Amino acid sequence: MKKTVNYFTLIVMVFISMTMQSCSKGEAERRAEYSQIVERKSASDAMNELYIAADGEIESLARMLQATPSVINRIRTGETSPTEDFEEKYKEVLVYYNLNDRSFSKLQSALDVEYDWYDSVLNFPSHHPVLFWGINIILFLLLCWYLIIILGYIYLAEIILFAVAWVAMLICSPGQMEDKYTDSINPVIEQKL
């Protein structure tokens, strides 16, 4: 029985090692390819892509770009154009978004200052599905295999952790952002056409 567990552990470790090596190959090539694609996009198209990716979380996108929602909307609709510095910023963000499987939650975890621990917990299954399901399957198998009550408590603790994180997210989510540039442009980030 102990040999079976050792062989299983060895197989899992080899699988994880192979996965990590294959992920690192081609990263630079993918970055160069996405950079070229993003460079060809107009400011309006790039901002629309980020806006659609945000799926209603425009304030989060605004925090990541260090702008306000009204600035993003004006550039997105073509009323204004971005400054060179802001253009460089949103292009870097768009490249990062594309490199991370076009996942807005991964973008938030890296760039949004309001992304908190409860967001990390709630997004863990989608950000690390192999690890999440691997841990849960192993916990379930150990629970069935050894019938130890302690493992049941660990599983319950995980459920409680997600529940607490969900409640904390409902209570502690950031308030609405103050937007001083709804009726005027922000000269640091945008300019009149």
C-alpha atoms as a PDB file:
ATOM      1  CA  MET A   1       0.000   0.000   0.000  1.00  0.00           C
ATOM      2  CA  LYS A   2       2.821   2.404   0.847  1.00  0.00           C
ATOM      3  CA  LYS A   3       4.470   1.624  -2.516  1.00  0.00           C
ATOM      4  CA  THR A   4       1.226   2.521  -4.298  1.00  0.00           C
ATOM      5  CA  VAL A   5       1.100   5.894  -2.576  1.00  0.00           C
ATOM      6  CA  ASN A   6       4.790   6.510  -3.410  1.00  0.00           C
ATOM      7  CA  TYR A   7       4.249   5.610  -7.092  1.00  0.00           C
ATOM      8  CA  PHE A   8       1.163   7.822  -7.234  1.00  0.00           C
ATOM      9  CA  THR A   9       3.104  10.724  -5.702  1.00  0.00           C
ATOM     10  CA  LEU A  10       5.962  10.207  -8.186  1.00  0.00           C
ATOM     11  CA  ILE A  11       3.565  10.217 -11.151  1.00  0.00           C
ATOM     12  CA  VAL A  12       1.896  13.426  -9.933  1.00  0.00           C
ATOM     13  CA  MET A  13       5.278  15.146  -9.456  1.00  0.00           C
ATOM     14  CA  VAL A  14       6.460  14.148 -12.963  1.00  0.00           C
ATOM     15  CA  PHE A  15       3.181  15.412 -14.461  1.00  0.00           C
ATOM     16  CA  ILE A  16       3.490  18.757 -12.662  1.00  0.00           C
ATOM     17  CA  SER A  17       7.136  19.110 -13.749  1.00  0.00           C
ATOM     18  CA  MET A  18       6.297  18.416 -17.393  1.00  0.00           C
ATOM     19  CA  THR A  19       3.414  20.887 -17.296  1.00  0.00           C
ATOM     20  CA  MET A  20       5.602  23.655 -15.864  1.00  0.00           C
ATOM     21  CA  GLN A  21       8.310  23.125 -18.516  1.00  0.00           C
ATOM     22  CA  SER A  22       5.892  23.193 -21.427  1.00  0.00           C
ATOM     23  CA  CYS A  23       4.284  26.401 -20.146  1.00  0.00           C
ATOM     24  CA  SER A  24       7.590  28.305 -20.143  1.00  0.00           C
ATOM     25  CA  LYS A  25       8.441  27.393 -23.769  1.00  0.00           C
ATOM     26  CA  GLY A  26       7.297  29.933 -26.287  1.00  0.00           C
ATOM     27  CA  GLU A  27       6.343  32.630 -23.757  1.00  0.00           C
ATOM     28  CA  ALA A  28       8.585  35.198 -25.458  1.00  0.00           C
ATOM     29  CA  GLU A  29       7.246  34.213 -28.876  1.00  0.00           C
ATOM     30  CA  ARG A  30       3.656  34.583 -27.702  1.00  0.00           C
ATOM     31  CA  ARG A  31       4.433  37.984 -26.132  1.00  0.00           C
ATOM     32  CA  ALA A  32       5.983  39.223 -29.391  1.00  0.00           C
ATOM     33  CA  GLU A  33       3.014  37.954 -31.405  1.00  0.00           C
ATOM     34  CA  TYR A  34       0.445  39.585 -29.114  1.00  0.00           C
ATOM     35  CA  SER A  35       2.464  42.825 -29.029  1.00  0.00           C
ATOM     36  CA  GLN A  36       2.321  43.011 -32.827  1.00  0.00           C
ATOM     37  CA  ILE A  37      -1.417  42.379 -32.842  1.00  0.00           C
ATOM     38  CA  VAL A  38      -2.034  45.044 -30.186  1.00  0.00           C
ATOM     39  CA  GLU A  39       0.182  47.597 -31.982  1.00  0.00           C
ATOM     40  CA  ARG A  40      -2.034  47.312 -35.075  1.00  0.00           C
ATOM     41  CA  LYS A  41      -5.229  48.078 -33.129  1.00  0.00           C
ATOM     42  CA  SER A  42      -6.638  51.561 -32.926  1.00  0.00           C
ATOM     43  CA  ALA A  43      -7.059  53.127 -29.496  1.00  0.00           C
ATOM     44  CA  SER A  44     -10.817  52.757 -29.759  1.00  0.00           C
ATOM     45  CA  ASP A  45     -10.615  49.054 -30.719  1.00  0.00           C
ATOM     46  CA  ALA A  46      -8.114  48.250 -27.976  1.00  0.00           C
ATOM     47  CA  MET A  47     -10.151  50.100 -25.360  1.00  0.00           C
ATOM     48  CA  ASN A  48     -13.340  48.372 -26.546  1.00  0.00           C
ATOM     49  CA  GLU A  49     -11.644  44.989 -26.201  1.00  0.00           C
ATOM     50  CA  LEU A  50     -10.662  45.791 -22.617  1.00  0.00           C
ATOM     51  CA  TYR A  51     -14.134  47.203 -21.937  1.00  0.00           C
ATOM     52  CA  ILE A  52     -15.802  44.019 -23.184  1.00  0.00           C
ATOM     53  CA  ALA A  53     -13.345  41.919 -21.187  1.00  0.00           C
ATOM     54  CA  ALA A  54     -14.256  43.886 -18.056  1.00  0.00           C
ATOM     55  CA  ASP A  55     -17.882  42.764 -18.492  1.00  0.00           C
ATOM     56  CA  GLY A  56     -19.379  45.598 -16.487  1.00  0.00           C
ATOM     57  CA  GLU A  57     -16.450  46.056 -14.107  1.00  0.00           C
ATOM     58  CA  ILE A  58     -15.339  49.334 -15.670  1.00  0.00           C
ATOM     59  CA  GLU A  59     -14.194  50.743 -12.331  1.00  0.00           C
ATOM     60  CA  SER A  60     -11.802  47.839 -11.934  1.00  0.00           C
ATOM     61  CA  LEU A  61     -10.516  48.484 -15.452  1.00  0.00           C
ATOM     62  CA  ALA A  62     -10.173  52.184 -14.600  1.00  0.00           C
ATOM     63  CA  ARG A  63      -8.096  51.339 -11.506  1.00  0.00           C
ATOM     64  CA  MET A  64      -5.850  49.068 -13.569  1.00  0.00           C
ATOM     65  CA  LEU A  65      -5.301  51.756 -16.197  1.00  0.00           C
ATOM     66  CA  GLN A  66      -5.071  54.509 -13.556  1.00  0.00           C
ATOM     67  CA  ALA A  67      -7.813  56.468 -15.278  1.00  0.00           C
ATOM     68  CA  THR A  68     -11.495  57.138 -14.671  1.00  0.00           C
ATOM     69  CA  PRO A  69     -14.482  55.413 -16.289  1.00  0.00           C
ATOM     70  CA  SER A  70     -15.436  58.537 -18.236  1.00  0.00           C
ATOM     71  CA  VAL A  71     -11.939  58.766 -19.768  1.00  0.00           C
ATOM     72  CA  ILE A  72     -12.165  55.125 -20.840  1.00  0.00           C
ATOM     73  CA  ASN A  73     -15.609  55.679 -22.351  1.00  0.00           C
ATOM     74  CA  ARG A  74     -14.510  58.777 -24.288  1.00  0.00           C
ATOM     75  CA  ILE A  75     -11.466  57.017 -25.743  1.00  0.00           C
ATOM     76  CA  ARG A  76     -13.559  53.920 -26.418  1.00  0.00           C
ATOM     77  CA  THR A  77     -16.179  55.878 -28.353  1.00  0.00           C
ATOM     78  CA  GLY A  78     -13.579  57.951 -30.219  1.00  0.00           C
ATOM     79  CA  GLU A  79     -14.422  61.315 -28.670  1.00  0.00           C
ATOM     80  CA  THR A  80     -10.824  61.721 -27.489  1.00  0.00           C
ATOM     81  CA  SER A  81      -7.520  60.028 -28.176  1.00  0.00           C
ATOM     82  CA  PRO A  82      -5.019  58.804 -25.596  1.00  0.00           C
ATOM     83  CA  THR A  83      -1.728  60.446 -24.792  1.00  0.00           C
ATOM     84  CA  GLU A  84       1.430  58.501 -25.690  1.00  0.00           C
ATOM     85  CA  ASP A  85       1.998  57.452 -22.080  1.00  0.00           C
ATOM     86  CA  PHE A  86      -1.560  56.224 -21.658  1.00  0.00           C
ATOM     87  CA  GLU A  87      -1.439  54.452 -25.028  1.00  0.00           C
ATOM     88  CA  GLU A  88       1.655  52.562 -23.901  1.00  0.00           C
ATOM     89  CA  LYS A  89      -0.067  51.642 -20.624  1.00  0.00           C
ATOM     90  CA  TYR A  90      -3.278  50.232 -22.100  1.00  0.00           C
ATOM     91  CA  LYS A  91      -1.303  48.314 -24.753  1.00  0.00           C
ATOM     92  CA  GLU A  92       0.810  46.656 -22.046  1.00  0.00           C
ATOM     93  CA  VAL A  93      -2.374  45.763 -20.176  1.00  0.00           C
ATOM     94  CA  LEU A  94      -3.954  44.332 -23.328  1.00  0.00           C
ATOM     95  CA  VAL A  95      -0.864  42.216 -24.078  1.00  0.00           C
ATOM     96  CA  TYR A  96      -0.893  40.918 -20.498  1.00  0.00           C
ATOM     97  CA  TYR A  97      -4.614  40.132 -20.840  1.00  0.00           C
ATOM     98  CA  ASN A  98      -4.011  38.133 -24.026  1.00  0.00           C
ATOM     99  CA  LEU A  99      -1.031  36.278 -22.549  1.00  0.00           C
ATOM    100  CA  ASN A 100      -3.124  35.160 -19.580  1.00  0.00           C
ATOM    101  CA  ASP A 101      -5.759  33.301 -21.572  1.00  0.00           C
ATOM    102  CA  ARG A 102      -7.867  36.431 -22.012  1.00  0.00           C
ATOM    103  CA  SER A 103      -8.900  36.152 -18.368  1.00  0.00           C
ATOM    104  CA  PHE A 104     -10.034  39.432 -16.854  1.00  0.00           C
ATOM    105  CA  SER A 105      -9.878  37.971 -13.343  1.00  0.00           C
ATOM    106  CA  LYS A 106      -6.174  37.146 -13.858  1.00  0.00           C
ATOM    107  CA  LEU A 107      -5.658  40.698 -15.084  1.00  0.00           C
ATOM    108  CA  GLN A 108      -7.428  41.995 -11.984  1.00  0.00           C
ATOM    109  CA  SER A 109      -5.333  39.828  -9.682  1.00  0.00           C
ATOM    110  CA  ALA A 110      -2.164  41.307 -11.150  1.00  0.00           C
ATOM    111  CA  LEU A 111      -3.109  44.964 -11.622  1.00  0.00           C
ATOM    112  CA  ASP A 112      -6.183  45.980  -9.606  1.00  0.00           C
ATOM    113  CA  VAL A 113      -5.219  47.564  -6.280  1.00  0.00           C
ATOM    114  CA  GLU A 114      -8.664  46.704  -4.878  1.00  0.00           C
ATOM    115  CA  TYR A 115      -8.259  42.976  -5.660  1.00  0.00           C
ATOM    116  CA  ASP A 116      -8.378  41.454  -2.198  1.00  0.00           C
ATOM    117  CA  TRP A 117      -7.801  38.082  -0.546  1.00  0.00           C
ATOM    118  CA  TYR A 118     -11.431  37.026  -0.960  1.00  0.00           C
ATOM    119  CA  ASP A 119     -11.155  37.602  -4.720  1.00  0.00           C
ATOM    120  CA  SER A 120      -8.057  35.391  -4.759  1.00  0.00           C
ATOM    121  CA  VAL A 121      -9.903  32.633  -2.935  1.00  0.00           C
ATOM    122  CA  LEU A 122     -12.991  32.850  -5.131  1.00  0.00           C
ATOM    123  CA  ASN A 123     -10.944  32.931  -8.361  1.00  0.00           C
ATOM    124  CA  PHE A 124      -8.551  30.162  -7.297  1.00  0.00           C
ATOM    125  CA  PRO A 125     -10.550  27.381  -9.059  1.00  0.00           C
ATOM    126  CA  SER A 126     -10.525  29.210 -12.387  1.00  0.00           C
ATOM    127  CA  HIS A 127      -6.936  30.478 -12.096  1.00  0.00           C
ATOM    128  CA  HIS A 128      -5.484  27.125 -10.993  1.00  0.00           C
ATOM    129  CA  PRO A 129      -7.979  24.427 -12.042  1.00  0.00           C
ATOM    130  CA  VAL A 130      -5.470  21.560 -12.071  1.00  0.00           C
ATOM    131  CA  LEU A 131      -4.252  22.374  -8.586  1.00  0.00           C
ATOM    132  CA  PHE A 132      -7.763  23.016  -7.274  1.00  0.00           C
ATOM    133  CA  TRP A 133      -9.247  19.808  -8.651  1.00  0.00           C
ATOM    134  CA  GLY A 134      -6.094  17.844  -7.892  1.00  0.00           C
ATOM    135  CA  ILE A 135      -6.245  18.868  -4.233  1.00  0.00           C
ATOM    136  CA  ASN A 136      -9.972  18.190  -4.013  1.00  0.00           C
ATOM    137  CA  ILE A 137      -9.727  14.807  -5.686  1.00  0.00           C
ATOM    138  CA  ILE A 138      -6.803  13.797  -3.478  1.00  0.00           C
ATOM    139  CA  LEU A 139      -8.674  14.974  -0.378  1.00  0.00           C
ATOM    140  CA  PHE A 140     -11.748  13.062  -1.472  1.00  0.00           C
ATOM    141  CA  LEU A 141      -9.757   9.883  -2.191  1.00  0.00           C
ATOM    142  CA  LEU A 142      -7.973  10.125   1.140  1.00  0.00           C
ATOM    143  CA  LEU A 143     -11.302  10.679   2.848  1.00  0.00           C
ATOM    144  CA  CYS A 144     -12.700   7.555   1.213  1.00  0.00           C
ATOM    145  CA  TRP A 145      -9.483   5.547   1.563  1.00  0.00           C
ATOM    146  CA  TYR A 146      -8.675   6.147   5.193  1.00  0.00           C
ATOM    147  CA  LEU A 147     -12.074   7.266   6.512  1.00  0.00           C
ATOM    148  CA  ILE A 148     -10.403   9.754   8.810  1.00  0.00           C
ATOM    149  CA  ILE A 149     -12.644  12.389  10.319  1.00  0.00           C
ATOM    150  CA  ILE A 150      -9.837  14.966  10.232  1.00  0.00           C
ATOM    151  CA  LEU A 151      -9.831  15.031   6.433  1.00  0.00           C
ATOM    152  CA  GLY A 152     -13.561  15.676   6.547  1.00  0.00           C
ATOM    153  CA  TYR A 153     -12.843  18.708   8.717  1.00  0.00           C
ATOM    154  CA  ILE A 154     -10.242  19.941   6.221  1.00  0.00           C
ATOM    155  CA  TYR A 155     -12.764  19.661   3.411  1.00  0.00           C
ATOM    156  CA  LEU A 156     -15.344  21.446   5.561  1.00  0.00           C
ATOM    157  CA  ALA A 157     -12.775  24.145   6.403  1.00  0.00           C
ATOM    158  CA  GLU A 158     -12.268  24.735   2.678  1.00  0.00           C
ATOM    159  CA  ILE A 159     -16.023  25.139   2.187  1.00  0.00           C
ATOM    160  CA  ILE A 160     -16.185  27.512   5.162  1.00  0.00           C
ATOM    161  CA  LEU A 161     -13.201  29.484   3.798  1.00  0.00           C
ATOM    162  CA  PHE A 162     -14.980  29.968   0.455  1.00  0.00           C
ATOM    163  CA  ALA A 163     -18.207  30.919   2.246  1.00  0.00           C
ATOM    164  CA  VAL A 164     -16.402  33.446   4.465  1.00  0.00           C
ATOM    165  CA  ALA A 165     -14.584  34.849   1.421  1.00  0.00           C
ATOM    166  CA  TRP A 166     -17.872  35.188  -0.446  1.00  0.00           C
ATOM    167  CA  VAL A 167     -19.529  36.985   2.490  1.00  0.00           C
ATOM    168  CA  ALA A 168     -16.453  39.217   2.909  1.00  0.00           C
ATOM    169  CA  MET A 169     -16.601  40.069  -0.792  1.00  0.00           C
ATOM    170  CA  LEU A 170     -20.241  41.106  -0.437  1.00  0.00           C
ATOM    171  CA  ILE A 171     -19.446  43.276   2.590  1.00  0.00           C
ATOM    172  CA  CYS A 172     -16.006  44.671   1.709  1.00  0.00           C
ATOM    173  CA  SER A 173     -16.240  45.307  -2.047  1.00  0.00           C
ATOM    174  CA  PRO A 174     -14.988  48.810  -2.924  1.00  0.00           C
ATOM    175  CA  GLY A 175     -17.488  51.648  -3.264  1.00  0.00           C
ATOM    176  CA  GLN A 176     -18.181  53.552  -6.429  1.00  0.00           C
ATOM    177  CA  MET A 177     -15.218  55.513  -7.790  1.00  0.00           C
ATOM    178  CA  GLU A 178     -15.400  59.310  -7.777  1.00  0.00           C
ATOM    179  CA  ASP A 179     -15.120  60.540 -11.354  1.00  0.00           C
ATOM    180  CA  LYS A 180     -14.129  64.201 -11.589  1.00  0.00           C
ATOM    181  CA  TYR A 181     -13.869  64.078 -15.364  1.00  0.00           C
ATOM    182  CA  THR A 182     -17.417  63.348 -16.458  1.00  0.00           C
ATOM    183  CA  ASP A 183     -17.932  66.821 -17.927  1.00  0.00           C
ATOM    184  CA  SER A 184     -14.329  67.593 -18.917  1.00  0.00           C
ATOM    185  CA  ILE A 185     -11.330  65.734 -20.232  1.00  0.00           C
ATOM    186  CA  ASN A 186      -8.339  64.652 -18.176  1.00  0.00           C
ATOM    187  CA  PRO A 187      -5.372  66.366 -19.899  1.00  0.00           C
ATOM    188  CA  VAL A 188      -2.889  63.899 -18.425  1.00  0.00           C
ATOM    189  CA  ILE A 189      -4.534  60.896 -20.083  1.00  0.00           C
ATOM    190  CA  GLU A 190      -6.534  62.149 -23.069  1.00  0.00           C
ATOM    191  CA  GLN A 191      -6.629  64.909 -25.630  1.00  0.00           C
ATOM    192  CA  LYS A 192      -9.287  66.480 -27.891  1.00  0.00           C
ATOM    193  CA  LEU A 193      -9.447  65.243 -31.447  1.00  0.00           C
END
